[in-house]
Amino acid sequence: MQLKTETVDEYIQMIPENQRESVARLREEILKNIPPGFSEEMSYGMIGYVVPHSLYPKGYHANPKLPLPFLNVAAQKNFIAVYHIGLYASSGLLQWFIDEYAKYSGKKPDMGKGCIRFKNYTEIPFSLIGELASKLEVSQWITHYELNREAKK
């Protein structure tokens, strides 16, 4: 669900109470682990971690006025989602995540392209999401992004 809020703190206060603690914990893990250079902001109505224009002036290809997205966290109607575009752009990172997730859960991760869904909030592997956030430096993410953009041309 996309909420019209100005700040991440407002967003967390506006989401359903049963999701609030888990989203706040995800945010804490991400902020603790994400490499320098990424900025936290509201992005697409969700908590977003982006490459600011000061580091990547081209911005996002779909709308260059927006900074390059990297990772988002959202409280959806029936689940909490982590959108990590790097999983979609890097098959090696995706395989690493799937292999590591198996160590936290006996189930396969509930995933779409770059989206990880958590329906049971007590089963969110917070430290694994923090580690996932740490896996790409800003420069590495920009390189992956540009290589994938070139490959699609």
N, C-alpha and C. Protein backbone atom coordinates (compact mmCIF):
# COMPACT_ATOMS: atom_id res chain seq x y z
N MET A 1 0.84 -1.16 0.00
CA MET A 1 0.00 0.00 0.00
C MET A 1 0.89 1.23 0.00
N GLN A 2 0.57 2.15 -0.86
CA GLN A 2 1.35 3.38 -0.92
C GLN A 2 0.65 4.44 -0.08
N LEU A 3 1.36 5.00 0.86
CA LEU A 3 0.80 6.03 1.72
C LEU A 3 1.39 7.38 1.33
N LYS A 4 0.59 8.38 1.41
CA LYS A 4 1.04 9.73 1.09
C LYS A 4 1.59 10.36 2.37
N THR A 5 2.87 10.16 2.59
CA THR A 5 3.54 10.73 3.76
C THR A 5 4.81 11.42 3.31
N GLU A 6 5.27 12.31 4.13
CA GLU A 6 6.49 13.05 3.81
C GLU A 6 7.73 12.37 4.37
N THR A 7 7.59 11.68 5.50
CA THR A 7 8.76 11.12 6.15
C THR A 7 8.57 9.63 6.45
N VAL A 8 9.68 8.97 6.66
CA VAL A 8 9.67 7.55 7.00
C VAL A 8 9.00 7.35 8.36
N ASP A 9 9.27 8.22 9.31
CA ASP A 9 8.63 8.10 10.63
C ASP A 9 7.11 8.20 10.51
N GLU A 10 6.61 9.12 9.69
CA GLU A 10 5.16 9.24 9.48
C GLU A 10 4.61 7.96 8.86
N TYR A 11 5.34 7.41 7.89
CA TYR A 11 4.90 6.18 7.24
C TYR A 11 4.73 5.07 8.27
N ILE A 12 5.73 4.90 9.12
CA ILE A 12 5.67 3.83 10.12
C ILE A 12 4.50 4.05 11.07
N GLN A 13 4.21 5.28 11.42
CA GLN A 13 3.08 5.56 12.30
C GLN A 13 1.73 5.32 11.61
N MET A 14 1.69 5.40 10.29
CA MET A 14 0.42 5.26 9.56
C MET A 14 0.10 3.81 9.17
N ILE A 15 1.07 2.92 9.19
CA ILE A 15 0.80 1.54 8.79
C ILE A 15 0.06 0.82 9.91
N PRO A 16 -0.61 -0.28 9.59
CA PRO A 16 -1.35 -1.02 10.61
C PRO A 16 -0.45 -1.41 11.79
N GLU A 17 -1.01 -1.36 12.96
CA GLU A 17 -0.26 -1.62 14.19
C GLU A 17 0.43 -2.97 14.19
N ASN A 18 -0.21 -3.99 13.60
CA ASN A 18 0.38 -5.33 13.62
C ASN A 18 1.62 -5.45 12.73
N GLN A 19 1.87 -4.45 11.88
CA GLN A 19 3.04 -4.45 11.01
C GLN A 19 4.13 -3.47 11.47
N ARG A 20 3.74 -2.57 12.32
CA ARG A 20 4.61 -1.45 12.68
C ARG A 20 5.96 -1.89 13.26
N GLU A 21 5.95 -2.79 14.22
CA GLU A 21 7.19 -3.21 14.87
C GLU A 21 8.13 -3.89 13.87
N SER A 22 7.58 -4.75 13.01
CA SER A 22 8.41 -5.46 12.04
C SER A 22 9.02 -4.51 11.01
N VAL A 23 8.24 -3.56 10.54
CA VAL A 23 8.77 -2.59 9.57
C VAL A 23 9.84 -1.73 10.23
N ALA A 24 9.61 -1.32 11.46
CA ALA A 24 10.61 -0.52 12.18
C ALA A 24 11.90 -1.32 12.39
N ARG A 25 11.76 -2.61 12.67
CA ARG A 25 12.94 -3.47 12.85
C ARG A 25 13.69 -3.68 11.54
N LEU A 26 12.95 -3.85 10.44
CA LEU A 26 13.60 -3.95 9.13
C LEU A 26 14.38 -2.68 8.84
N ARG A 27 13.75 -1.55 9.09
CA ARG A 27 14.43 -0.27 8.87
C ARG A 27 15.72 -0.19 9.68
N GLU A 28 15.65 -0.57 10.94
CA GLU A 28 16.82 -0.54 11.82
C GLU A 28 17.95 -1.42 11.27
N GLU A 29 17.62 -2.63 10.84
CA GLU A 29 18.63 -3.54 10.29
C GLU A 29 19.25 -2.99 9.01
N ILE A 30 18.40 -2.44 8.16
CA ILE A 30 18.90 -1.89 6.89
C ILE A 30 19.82 -0.70 7.17
N LEU A 31 19.38 0.22 8.02
CA LEU A 31 20.21 1.39 8.32
C LEU A 31 21.54 1.00 8.96
N LYS A 32 21.53 -0.05 9.75
CA LYS A 32 22.75 -0.53 10.41
C LYS A 32 23.73 -1.13 9.40
N ASN A 33 23.22 -1.65 8.30
CA ASN A 33 24.05 -2.43 7.38
C ASN A 33 24.27 -1.83 5.99
N ILE A 34 23.41 -0.95 5.55
CA ILE A 34 23.51 -0.46 4.18
C ILE A 34 24.79 0.37 4.02
N PRO A 35 25.50 0.17 2.92
CA PRO A 35 26.76 0.90 2.73
C PRO A 35 26.55 2.42 2.63
N PRO A 36 27.60 3.16 2.94
CA PRO A 36 27.52 4.63 2.83
C PRO A 36 27.18 5.04 1.40
N GLY A 37 26.46 6.15 1.30
CA GLY A 37 26.12 6.71 0.00
C GLY A 37 24.65 6.56 -0.34
N PHE A 38 24.03 5.49 0.12
CA PHE A 38 22.59 5.34 -0.10
C PHE A 38 21.86 6.29 0.84
N SER A 39 20.73 6.83 0.40
CA SER A 39 19.93 7.73 1.21
C SER A 39 18.58 7.10 1.50
N GLU A 40 18.10 7.31 2.71
CA GLU A 40 16.76 6.85 3.07
C GLU A 40 15.78 7.98 2.80
N GLU A 41 14.68 7.64 2.13
CA GLU A 41 13.64 8.63 1.87
C GLU A 41 12.35 7.89 1.51
N MET A 42 11.27 8.62 1.47
CA MET A 42 10.03 8.04 0.97
C MET A 42 10.18 7.95 -0.54
N SER A 43 9.91 6.76 -1.07
CA SER A 43 10.10 6.49 -2.49
C SER A 43 8.95 5.59 -2.96
N TYR A 44 8.18 6.08 -3.90
CA TYR A 44 7.03 5.32 -4.41
C TYR A 44 6.04 4.98 -3.30
N GLY A 45 5.89 5.85 -2.32
CA GLY A 45 4.95 5.62 -1.24
C GLY A 45 5.40 4.58 -0.25
N MET A 46 6.69 4.24 -0.27
CA MET A 46 7.26 3.25 0.65
C MET A 46 8.55 3.80 1.22
N ILE A 47 9.10 3.09 2.20
CA ILE A 47 10.42 3.46 2.69
C ILE A 47 11.41 3.06 1.61
N GLY A 48 12.22 3.99 1.18
CA GLY A 48 13.15 3.71 0.09
C GLY A 48 14.59 4.03 0.45
N TYR A 49 15.47 3.26 -0.15
CA TYR A 49 16.92 3.49 -0.04
C TYR A 49 17.39 3.67 -1.47
N VAL A 50 17.92 4.83 -1.76
CA VAL A 50 18.20 5.24 -3.13
C VAL A 50 19.62 5.76 -3.27
N VAL A 51 20.07 5.84 -4.53
CA VAL A 51 21.33 6.51 -4.84
C VAL A 51 20.94 7.95 -5.19
N PRO A 52 21.33 8.92 -4.38
CA PRO A 52 20.91 10.29 -4.63
C PRO A 52 21.51 10.85 -5.92
N HIS A 53 20.85 11.87 -6.45
CA HIS A 53 21.33 12.51 -7.68
C HIS A 53 22.75 13.06 -7.53
N SER A 54 23.14 13.40 -6.32
CA SER A 54 24.51 13.91 -6.12
C SER A 54 25.56 12.85 -6.47
N LEU A 55 25.19 11.56 -6.36
CA LEU A 55 26.11 10.48 -6.72
C LEU A 55 25.83 9.88 -8.09
N TYR A 56 24.58 10.00 -8.53
CA TYR A 56 24.20 9.46 -9.84
C TYR A 56 23.20 10.43 -10.47
N PRO A 57 23.72 11.47 -11.12
CA PRO A 57 22.87 12.53 -11.66
C PRO A 57 21.84 12.07 -12.69
N LYS A 58 22.11 10.94 -13.36
CA LYS A 58 21.17 10.46 -14.38
C LYS A 58 19.82 10.08 -13.78
N GLY A 59 19.80 9.69 -12.53
CA GLY A 59 18.56 9.28 -11.89
C GLY A 59 18.03 7.97 -12.47
N TYR A 60 16.80 7.69 -12.18
CA TYR A 60 16.15 6.46 -12.59
C TYR A 60 15.68 6.59 -14.04
N HIS A 61 15.96 5.61 -14.89
CA HIS A 61 15.65 5.72 -16.31
C HIS A 61 14.17 5.96 -16.59
N ALA A 62 13.29 5.38 -15.79
CA ALA A 62 11.85 5.55 -16.02
C ALA A 62 11.38 6.97 -15.70
N ASN A 63 12.09 7.64 -14.81
CA ASN A 63 11.80 9.02 -14.47
C ASN A 63 13.09 9.63 -13.91
N PRO A 64 13.90 10.25 -14.77
CA PRO A 64 15.21 10.78 -14.33
C PRO A 64 15.13 11.82 -13.22
N LYS A 65 13.94 12.36 -12.94
CA LYS A 65 13.80 13.30 -11.83
C LYS A 65 13.90 12.58 -10.48
N LEU A 66 13.70 11.27 -10.50
CA LEU A 66 13.78 10.47 -9.28
C LEU A 66 15.18 9.89 -9.14
N PRO A 67 15.64 9.75 -7.89
CA PRO A 67 16.94 9.11 -7.68
C PRO A 67 16.86 7.62 -8.03
N LEU A 68 17.99 7.00 -8.24
CA LEU A 68 18.06 5.59 -8.59
C LEU A 68 17.64 4.74 -7.39
N PRO A 69 16.53 3.99 -7.53
CA PRO A 69 16.09 3.15 -6.41
C PRO A 69 17.00 1.94 -6.22
N PHE A 70 17.07 1.45 -5.00
CA PHE A 70 17.87 0.28 -4.67
C PHE A 70 17.05 -0.72 -3.86
N LEU A 71 16.44 -0.25 -2.79
CA LEU A 71 15.75 -1.13 -1.87
C LEU A 71 14.55 -0.39 -1.29
N ASN A 72 13.44 -1.08 -1.14
CA ASN A 72 12.25 -0.49 -0.53
C ASN A 72 11.66 -1.46 0.48
N VAL A 73 10.97 -0.91 1.45
CA VAL A 73 10.22 -1.70 2.42
C VAL A 73 8.81 -1.15 2.46
N ALA A 74 7.82 -2.06 2.39
CA ALA A 74 6.44 -1.62 2.37
C ALA A 74 5.55 -2.54 3.20
N ALA A 75 4.59 -1.93 3.85
CA ALA A 75 3.54 -2.68 4.53
C ALA A 75 2.40 -2.80 3.52
N GLN A 76 2.17 -3.99 3.02
CA GLN A 76 1.07 -4.24 2.09
C GLN A 76 -0.13 -4.75 2.89
N LYS A 77 -1.24 -4.96 2.21
CA LYS A 77 -2.46 -5.34 2.91
C LYS A 77 -2.28 -6.61 3.76
N ASN A 78 -1.69 -7.64 3.20
CA ASN A 78 -1.58 -8.92 3.91
C ASN A 78 -0.15 -9.41 4.11
N PHE A 79 0.82 -8.53 3.88
CA PHE A 79 2.21 -8.93 4.03
C PHE A 79 3.10 -7.71 4.11
N ILE A 80 4.34 -7.95 4.51
CA ILE A 80 5.37 -6.92 4.46
C ILE A 80 6.29 -7.30 3.31
N ALA A 81 6.63 -6.34 2.49
CA ALA A 81 7.47 -6.61 1.32
C ALA A 81 8.80 -5.87 1.42
N VAL A 82 9.83 -6.57 0.98
CA VAL A 82 11.15 -5.96 0.79
C VAL A 82 11.41 -6.05 -0.71
N TYR A 83 11.58 -4.91 -1.34
CA TYR A 83 11.88 -4.85 -2.77
C TYR A 83 13.35 -4.52 -2.91
N HIS A 84 14.12 -5.47 -3.40
CA HIS A 84 15.56 -5.27 -3.56
C HIS A 84 15.85 -5.45 -5.05
N ILE A 85 16.04 -4.36 -5.75
CA ILE A 85 16.21 -4.42 -7.19
C ILE A 85 17.50 -5.15 -7.57
N GLY A 86 18.47 -5.15 -6.67
CA GLY A 86 19.71 -5.87 -6.92
C GLY A 86 19.50 -7.36 -7.10
N LEU A 87 18.48 -7.93 -6.46
CA LEU A 87 18.18 -9.36 -6.64
C LEU A 87 17.77 -9.65 -8.08
N TYR A 88 17.08 -8.72 -8.68
CA TYR A 88 16.63 -8.86 -10.06
C TYR A 88 17.80 -8.64 -11.02
N ALA A 89 18.72 -7.78 -10.64
CA ALA A 89 19.82 -7.41 -11.52
C ALA A 89 21.03 -8.34 -11.42
N SER A 90 21.11 -9.09 -10.33
CA SER A 90 22.30 -9.92 -10.11
C SER A 90 21.88 -11.35 -9.75
N SER A 91 22.05 -12.27 -10.68
CA SER A 91 21.68 -13.66 -10.42
C SER A 91 22.52 -14.25 -9.29
N GLY A 92 23.76 -13.81 -9.16
CA GLY A 92 24.61 -14.29 -8.07
C GLY A 92 24.08 -13.87 -6.72
N LEU A 93 23.63 -12.63 -6.61
CA LEU A 93 23.07 -12.13 -5.36
C LEU A 93 21.76 -12.86 -5.05
N LEU A 94 20.96 -13.09 -6.06
CA LEU A 94 19.70 -13.81 -5.87
C LEU A 94 19.97 -15.21 -5.34
N GLN A 95 20.92 -15.91 -5.92
CA GLN A 95 21.23 -17.27 -5.47
C GLN A 95 21.78 -17.26 -4.06
N TRP A 96 22.64 -16.29 -3.76
CA TRP A 96 23.15 -16.16 -2.39
C TRP A 96 21.98 -16.02 -1.41
N PHE A 97 21.02 -15.14 -1.74
CA PHE A 97 19.90 -14.91 -0.83
C PHE A 97 19.08 -16.19 -0.64
N ILE A 98 18.77 -16.88 -1.71
CA ILE A 98 17.97 -18.11 -1.61
C ILE A 98 18.70 -19.15 -0.75
N ASP A 99 20.00 -19.30 -0.97
CA ASP A 99 20.79 -20.25 -0.18
C ASP A 99 20.81 -19.86 1.30
N GLU A 100 21.01 -18.59 1.59
CA GLU A 100 21.05 -18.13 2.98
C GLU A 100 19.68 -18.21 3.65
N TYR A 101 18.64 -17.91 2.90
CA TYR A 101 17.28 -17.95 3.45
C TYR A 101 16.96 -19.35 3.97
N ALA A 102 17.45 -20.37 3.28
CA ALA A 102 17.22 -21.77 3.69
C ALA A 102 17.77 -22.03 5.09
N LYS A 103 18.77 -21.28 5.51
CA LYS A 103 19.34 -21.45 6.84
C LYS A 103 18.43 -20.87 7.93
N TYR A 104 17.51 -19.97 7.53
CA TYR A 104 16.61 -19.31 8.47
C TYR A 104 15.22 -19.94 8.49
N SER A 105 14.88 -20.62 7.42
CA SER A 105 13.52 -21.13 7.28
C SER A 105 13.54 -22.47 6.54
N GLY A 106 12.63 -23.31 6.87
CA GLY A 106 12.52 -24.58 6.16
C GLY A 106 11.74 -24.45 4.87
N LYS A 107 11.28 -23.24 4.58
CA LYS A 107 10.49 -22.99 3.37
C LYS A 107 11.30 -22.19 2.36
N LYS A 108 10.83 -22.24 1.11
CA LYS A 108 11.41 -21.35 0.10
C LYS A 108 10.90 -19.94 0.37
N PRO A 109 11.70 -18.93 0.02
CA PRO A 109 11.20 -17.56 0.20
C PRO A 109 10.04 -17.29 -0.75
N ASP A 110 9.07 -16.53 -0.29
CA ASP A 110 7.93 -16.10 -1.11
C ASP A 110 8.41 -14.87 -1.88
N MET A 111 8.74 -15.09 -3.16
CA MET A 111 9.38 -14.02 -3.93
C MET A 111 8.74 -13.82 -5.29
N GLY A 112 8.85 -12.59 -5.76
CA GLY A 112 8.59 -12.22 -7.13
C GLY A 112 9.88 -11.60 -7.64
N LYS A 113 9.85 -10.95 -8.78
CA LYS A 113 11.06 -10.30 -9.30
C LYS A 113 11.49 -9.17 -8.38
N GLY A 114 12.55 -9.42 -7.64
CA GLY A 114 13.08 -8.39 -6.75
C GLY A 114 12.24 -8.14 -5.51
N CYS A 115 11.18 -8.91 -5.30
CA CYS A 115 10.27 -8.70 -4.16
C CYS A 115 10.30 -9.93 -3.26
N ILE A 116 10.45 -9.68 -1.98
CA ILE A 116 10.38 -10.75 -0.98
C ILE A 116 9.18 -10.43 -0.10
N ARG A 117 8.23 -11.37 0.00
CA ARG A 117 7.01 -11.14 0.78
C ARG A 117 7.07 -11.93 2.08
N PHE A 118 6.69 -11.27 3.16
CA PHE A 118 6.63 -11.91 4.47
C PHE A 118 5.20 -11.80 5.00
N LYS A 119 4.48 -12.92 4.99
CA LYS A 119 3.10 -12.95 5.49
C LYS A 119 3.06 -13.18 6.99
N ASN A 120 4.03 -13.93 7.50
CA ASN A 120 4.14 -14.17 8.93
C ASN A 120 5.26 -13.28 9.46
N TYR A 121 4.89 -12.24 10.16
CA TYR A 121 5.86 -11.24 10.59
C TYR A 121 6.85 -11.77 11.61
N THR A 122 6.50 -12.86 12.29
CA THR A 122 7.41 -13.44 13.28
C THR A 122 8.52 -14.26 12.61
N GLU A 123 8.39 -14.51 11.30
CA GLU A 123 9.38 -15.31 10.59
C GLU A 123 10.30 -14.47 9.69
N ILE A 124 10.27 -13.16 9.86
CA ILE A 124 11.15 -12.31 9.05
C ILE A 124 12.59 -12.48 9.53
N PRO A 125 13.50 -12.85 8.64
CA PRO A 125 14.91 -12.98 9.05
C PRO A 125 15.59 -11.60 9.01
N PHE A 126 15.39 -10.84 10.04
CA PHE A 126 15.85 -9.45 10.07
C PHE A 126 17.34 -9.32 9.79
N SER A 127 18.15 -10.14 10.43
CA SER A 127 19.60 -10.02 10.22
C SER A 127 19.98 -10.39 8.79
N LEU A 128 19.26 -11.32 8.17
CA LEU A 128 19.54 -11.68 6.78
C LEU A 128 19.20 -10.51 5.85
N ILE A 129 18.11 -9.81 6.12
CA ILE A 129 17.76 -8.64 5.30
C ILE A 129 18.81 -7.55 5.49
N GLY A 130 19.30 -7.40 6.70
CA GLY A 130 20.39 -6.44 6.93
C GLY A 130 21.63 -6.83 6.15
N GLU A 131 21.96 -8.11 6.16
CA GLU A 131 23.13 -8.56 5.40
C GLU A 131 22.91 -8.36 3.90
N LEU A 132 21.70 -8.63 3.43
CA LEU A 132 21.37 -8.42 2.01
C LEU A 132 21.58 -6.95 1.64
N ALA A 133 21.16 -6.06 2.52
CA ALA A 133 21.33 -4.62 2.25
C ALA A 133 22.80 -4.24 2.13
N SER A 134 23.67 -5.00 2.77
CA SER A 134 25.09 -4.66 2.79
C SER A 134 25.86 -5.19 1.58
N LYS A 135 25.25 -6.01 0.76
CA LYS A 135 25.97 -6.76 -0.26
C LYS A 135 26.44 -5.94 -1.47
N LEU A 136 25.84 -4.80 -1.73
CA LEU A 136 26.27 -3.98 -2.87
C LEU A 136 26.59 -2.56 -2.43
N GLU A 137 27.81 -2.13 -2.72
CA GLU A 137 28.18 -0.73 -2.51
C GLU A 137 27.47 0.11 -3.58
N VAL A 138 27.38 1.41 -3.35
CA VAL A 138 26.73 2.30 -4.32
C VAL A 138 27.34 2.13 -5.70
N SER A 139 28.67 2.14 -5.80
CA SER A 139 29.32 2.03 -7.11
C SER A 139 29.00 0.69 -7.78
N GLN A 140 28.94 -0.38 -6.99
CA GLN A 140 28.59 -1.68 -7.56
C GLN A 140 27.15 -1.68 -8.07
N TRP A 141 26.24 -1.07 -7.30
CA TRP A 141 24.84 -1.03 -7.72
C TRP A 141 24.70 -0.23 -9.02
N ILE A 142 25.38 0.89 -9.13
CA ILE A 142 25.32 1.69 -10.35
C ILE A 142 25.85 0.87 -11.53
N THR A 143 26.95 0.15 -11.34
CA THR A 143 27.50 -0.69 -12.41
C THR A 143 26.50 -1.76 -12.83
N HIS A 144 25.90 -2.48 -11.87
CA HIS A 144 24.89 -3.49 -12.19
C HIS A 144 23.72 -2.87 -12.95
N TYR A 145 23.26 -1.74 -12.45
CA TYR A 145 22.13 -1.05 -13.07
C TYR A 145 22.45 -0.68 -14.52
N GLU A 146 23.59 -0.06 -14.73
CA GLU A 146 23.94 0.36 -16.09
C GLU A 146 24.17 -0.83 -17.02
N LEU A 147 24.79 -1.89 -16.54
CA LEU A 147 24.98 -3.08 -17.37
C LEU A 147 23.64 -3.70 -17.76
N ASN A 148 22.72 -3.76 -16.83
CA ASN A 148 21.41 -4.30 -17.15
C ASN A 148 20.63 -3.39 -18.10
N ARG A 149 20.79 -2.11 -17.97
CA ARG A 149 20.12 -1.17 -18.89
C ARG A 149 20.69 -1.34 -20.30
N GLU A 150 22.02 -1.48 -20.41
CA GLU A 150 22.65 -1.68 -21.71
C GLU A 150 22.21 -2.98 -22.35
N ALA A 151 22.09 -4.03 -21.55
CA ALA A 151 21.70 -5.33 -22.06
C ALA A 151 20.28 -5.32 -22.63
N LYS A 152 19.44 -4.43 -22.12
CA LYS A 152 18.05 -4.36 -22.58
C LYS A 152 17.89 -3.50 -23.82
N LYS A 153 18.92 -2.77 -24.20
CA LYS A 153 18.82 -1.89 -25.38
C LYS A 153 18.98 -2.67 -26.65
